[in-house]
Every structure is written in structure tokens, then in C-alpha cells.
């Protein structure tokens, strides 16, 4: 059976909210009988996404409101 895990990718300072945030990715690892398959990234999130989304303009792909903009990329 496949396994889904949220992993910390890195910690960055976000200029939008002026705090240090943790960027995480959700990876799905293949079942044991498919060992040669690389993990698939199925989601991204920021530890401060809720605070960022309360501001008046769209944020970034990590907050989920602007998928075409990645300030940390």
C-alpha cells in the first residue's frame, strides 16, 4: 500500500508576513512491490498559510492562493 508523508523541505524567511516559515511537501511513496518508483509530490503547504491568506491580496503557491507564483523558488 502506498504511503503519504508530509516532509519539511526547507525553512525560509517570508517577506510577505515578515516571519520565518516552514515549507512542506506531501510525497506519496509507492508500495513495497514497486520499489523503483520515485515519490510523487502531490501537495505543498506553508506553516503560516492561514496568516498569509488573511491579508488582502493573493499570496503564493505555498499558501494555496496563487499557484503561478513561488517567492522561494
N, C-alpha and C. Protein backbone atom coordinates (compact mmCIF):
# COMPACT_ATOMS: atom_id res chain seq x y z
N UNK A 1 0.83 -1.17 0.00
CA UNK A 1 0.00 0.00 0.00
C UNK A 1 0.88 1.24 0.00
N UNK A 2 0.50 2.26 -0.73
CA UNK A 2 1.27 3.49 -0.82
C UNK A 2 1.26 4.23 0.51
N UNK A 3 2.30 5.01 0.74
CA UNK A 3 2.43 5.75 1.99
C UNK A 3 2.53 7.24 1.68
N UNK A 4 1.73 8.05 2.37
CA UNK A 4 1.72 9.50 2.18
C UNK A 4 2.34 10.17 3.39
N UNK A 5 3.33 11.05 3.14
CA UNK A 5 4.06 11.70 4.23
C UNK A 5 4.27 13.18 3.90
N UNK A 6 4.00 14.05 4.89
CA UNK A 6 4.36 15.47 4.77
C UNK A 6 5.78 15.61 5.29
N UNK A 7 6.67 16.17 4.44
CA UNK A 7 8.07 16.33 4.82
C UNK A 7 8.47 17.79 4.73
N UNK A 8 9.26 18.23 5.70
CA UNK A 8 9.78 19.60 5.68
C UNK A 8 10.82 19.70 4.57
N UNK A 9 10.59 20.62 3.65
CA UNK A 9 11.53 20.81 2.55
C UNK A 9 12.63 21.80 2.95
N UNK A 10 12.21 22.93 3.52
CA UNK A 10 13.19 23.91 3.99
C UNK A 10 12.49 24.97 4.84
N UNK A 11 13.30 25.77 5.49
CA UNK A 11 12.81 26.88 6.30
C UNK A 11 13.33 28.16 5.66
N UNK A 12 12.44 29.12 5.45
CA UNK A 12 12.79 30.37 4.77
C UNK A 12 12.17 31.54 5.52
N UNK A 13 12.68 32.72 5.25
CA UNK A 13 12.05 33.94 5.76
C UNK A 13 11.11 34.46 4.69
N UNK A 14 9.85 34.68 5.07
CA UNK A 14 8.85 35.18 4.13
C UNK A 14 8.74 36.69 4.29
N UNK A 15 9.01 37.41 3.22
CA UNK A 15 8.94 38.87 3.25
C UNK A 15 7.50 39.37 3.32
N UNK A 16 6.57 38.58 2.86
CA UNK A 16 5.16 38.99 2.85
C UNK A 16 4.62 39.19 4.26
N UNK A 17 4.90 38.24 5.16
CA UNK A 17 4.40 38.37 6.53
C UNK A 17 5.51 38.70 7.52
N UNK A 18 6.76 38.71 7.07
CA UNK A 18 7.88 39.09 7.93
C UNK A 18 8.23 38.07 9.00
N UNK A 19 8.01 36.79 8.71
CA UNK A 19 8.32 35.73 9.67
C UNK A 19 9.06 34.59 8.99
N UNK A 20 9.66 33.74 9.80
CA UNK A 20 10.28 32.52 9.29
C UNK A 20 9.18 31.48 9.13
N UNK A 21 9.13 30.85 7.96
CA UNK A 21 8.10 29.84 7.67
C UNK A 21 8.75 28.52 7.32
N UNK A 22 8.01 27.45 7.51
CA UNK A 22 8.45 26.12 7.13
C UNK A 22 7.67 25.70 5.89
N UNK A 23 8.39 25.32 4.84
CA UNK A 23 7.77 24.86 3.60
C UNK A 23 7.78 23.34 3.59
N UNK A 24 6.61 22.73 3.38
CA UNK A 24 6.47 21.28 3.42
C UNK A 24 5.90 20.77 2.11
N UNK A 25 6.26 19.55 1.75
CA UNK A 25 5.70 18.89 0.57
C UNK A 25 5.10 17.56 0.99
N UNK A 26 4.01 17.19 0.34
CA UNK A 26 3.37 15.91 0.58
C UNK A 26 3.86 14.95 -0.50
N UNK A 27 4.52 13.89 -0.08
CA UNK A 27 5.06 12.91 -1.01
C UNK A 27 4.35 11.58 -0.82
N UNK A 28 4.03 10.95 -1.94
CA UNK A 28 3.41 9.63 -1.91
C UNK A 28 4.46 8.64 -2.39
N UNK A 29 4.81 7.70 -1.51
CA UNK A 29 5.79 6.67 -1.83
C UNK A 29 5.06 5.42 -2.29
N UNK A 30 5.59 4.78 -3.31
CA UNK A 30 4.98 3.59 -3.89
C UNK A 30 4.97 2.43 -2.89
N UNK A 31 4.12 1.49 -3.16
CA UNK A 31 4.03 0.30 -2.32
C UNK A 31 5.32 -0.52 -2.39
N UNK A 32 5.49 -1.43 -1.48
CA UNK A 32 6.71 -2.24 -1.40
C UNK A 32 6.98 -3.04 -2.67
N UNK A 33 5.94 -3.45 -3.36
CA UNK A 33 6.16 -4.27 -4.55
C UNK A 33 6.51 -3.42 -5.78
N UNK A 34 6.60 -2.10 -5.64
CA UNK A 34 7.04 -1.20 -6.72
C UNK A 34 8.22 -0.35 -6.21
N UNK A 35 9.33 -0.96 -5.84
CA UNK A 35 10.41 -0.23 -5.17
C UNK A 35 11.16 0.77 -6.05
N UNK A 36 11.10 0.64 -7.37
CA UNK A 36 11.86 1.52 -8.24
C UNK A 36 11.14 2.82 -8.59
N UNK A 37 9.96 3.03 -8.07
CA UNK A 37 9.19 4.22 -8.37
C UNK A 37 9.62 5.38 -7.47
N UNK A 38 9.92 6.55 -8.05
CA UNK A 38 10.25 7.71 -7.21
C UNK A 38 8.99 8.24 -6.54
N UNK A 39 9.14 8.96 -5.43
CA UNK A 39 7.96 9.51 -4.78
C UNK A 39 7.31 10.59 -5.64
N UNK A 40 6.00 10.72 -5.54
CA UNK A 40 5.25 11.74 -6.27
C UNK A 40 4.89 12.85 -5.31
N UNK A 41 5.14 14.10 -5.71
CA UNK A 41 4.74 15.25 -4.91
C UNK A 41 3.30 15.58 -5.26
N UNK A 42 2.42 15.53 -4.28
CA UNK A 42 1.00 15.77 -4.53
C UNK A 42 0.47 17.01 -3.83
N UNK A 43 1.30 17.67 -3.01
CA UNK A 43 0.83 18.87 -2.32
C UNK A 43 1.97 19.66 -1.73
N UNK A 44 1.70 20.95 -1.52
CA UNK A 44 2.67 21.85 -0.89
C UNK A 44 1.93 22.69 0.12
N UNK A 45 2.61 23.05 1.21
CA UNK A 45 1.99 23.93 2.18
C UNK A 45 3.04 24.71 2.95
N UNK A 46 2.59 25.79 3.52
CA UNK A 46 3.42 26.69 4.31
C UNK A 46 2.89 26.68 5.74
N UNK A 47 3.78 26.77 6.71
CA UNK A 47 3.36 26.75 8.10
C UNK A 47 2.56 27.99 8.49
N UNK A 48 2.69 29.08 7.74
CA UNK A 48 1.97 30.32 8.06
C UNK A 48 0.94 30.68 6.99
N UNK A 49 0.44 29.69 6.27
CA UNK A 49 -0.51 29.94 5.18
C UNK A 49 -1.79 30.62 5.67
N UNK A 50 -2.29 30.23 6.83
CA UNK A 50 -3.52 30.83 7.33
C UNK A 50 -3.35 32.32 7.60
N UNK A 51 -2.24 32.71 8.21
CA UNK A 51 -1.98 34.13 8.48
C UNK A 51 -1.79 34.90 7.18
N UNK A 52 -1.11 34.29 6.24
CA UNK A 52 -0.86 34.94 4.95
C UNK A 52 -2.14 35.12 4.15
N UNK A 53 -3.02 34.14 4.19
CA UNK A 53 -4.28 34.20 3.44
C UNK A 53 -5.26 35.21 4.02
N UNK A 54 -5.03 35.69 5.23
CA UNK A 54 -5.91 36.70 5.80
C UNK A 54 -5.59 38.10 5.31
N UNK A 55 -4.48 38.26 4.60
CA UNK A 55 -4.14 39.55 4.00
C UNK A 55 -5.01 39.79 2.77
N UNK A 56 -5.03 40.99 2.26
CA UNK A 56 -6.00 41.37 1.23
C UNK A 56 -5.66 40.95 -0.20
N UNK A 57 -4.48 40.41 -0.47
CA UNK A 57 -4.13 40.02 -1.84
C UNK A 57 -3.66 38.57 -1.89
N UNK A 58 -3.74 37.93 -3.07
CA UNK A 58 -3.29 36.53 -3.19
C UNK A 58 -1.83 36.39 -2.79
N UNK A 59 -1.49 35.26 -2.24
CA UNK A 59 -0.15 35.04 -1.70
C UNK A 59 0.75 34.32 -2.70
N UNK A 60 0.89 33.00 -2.55
CA UNK A 60 1.80 32.23 -3.39
C UNK A 60 1.33 30.78 -3.46
N UNK A 61 2.08 29.97 -4.18
CA UNK A 61 1.70 28.56 -4.33
C UNK A 61 1.77 27.80 -3.00
N UNK A 62 2.61 28.23 -2.09
CA UNK A 62 2.74 27.54 -0.80
C UNK A 62 1.55 27.81 0.10
N UNK A 63 0.90 28.97 -0.06
CA UNK A 63 -0.30 29.29 0.71
C UNK A 63 -1.55 28.80 0.00
N UNK A 64 -1.42 28.44 -1.26
CA UNK A 64 -2.54 27.87 -2.00
C UNK A 64 -3.42 28.87 -2.72
N UNK A 65 -3.08 30.15 -2.72
CA UNK A 65 -3.95 31.14 -3.35
C UNK A 65 -3.45 31.68 -4.68
N UNK A 66 -2.20 31.45 -5.01
CA UNK A 66 -1.65 31.91 -6.29
C UNK A 66 -0.67 30.85 -6.81
N UNK A 67 -1.17 29.82 -7.50
CA UNK A 67 -0.33 28.69 -7.89
C UNK A 67 0.79 29.03 -8.87
N UNK A 68 0.70 30.17 -9.56
CA UNK A 68 1.73 30.53 -10.53
C UNK A 68 2.88 31.32 -9.95
N UNK A 69 2.87 31.63 -8.65
CA UNK A 69 3.90 32.46 -8.04
C UNK A 69 4.59 31.72 -6.90
N UNK A 70 5.92 31.61 -6.98
CA UNK A 70 6.70 30.95 -5.93
C UNK A 70 7.82 31.90 -5.50
N UNK A 71 7.64 32.64 -4.39
CA UNK A 71 8.67 33.57 -3.97
C UNK A 71 9.95 32.93 -3.44
N UNK A 72 9.89 31.64 -3.16
CA UNK A 72 11.05 30.94 -2.61
C UNK A 72 11.80 30.14 -3.68
N UNK A 73 11.29 30.13 -4.90
CA UNK A 73 11.86 29.30 -5.96
C UNK A 73 13.01 29.84 -6.61
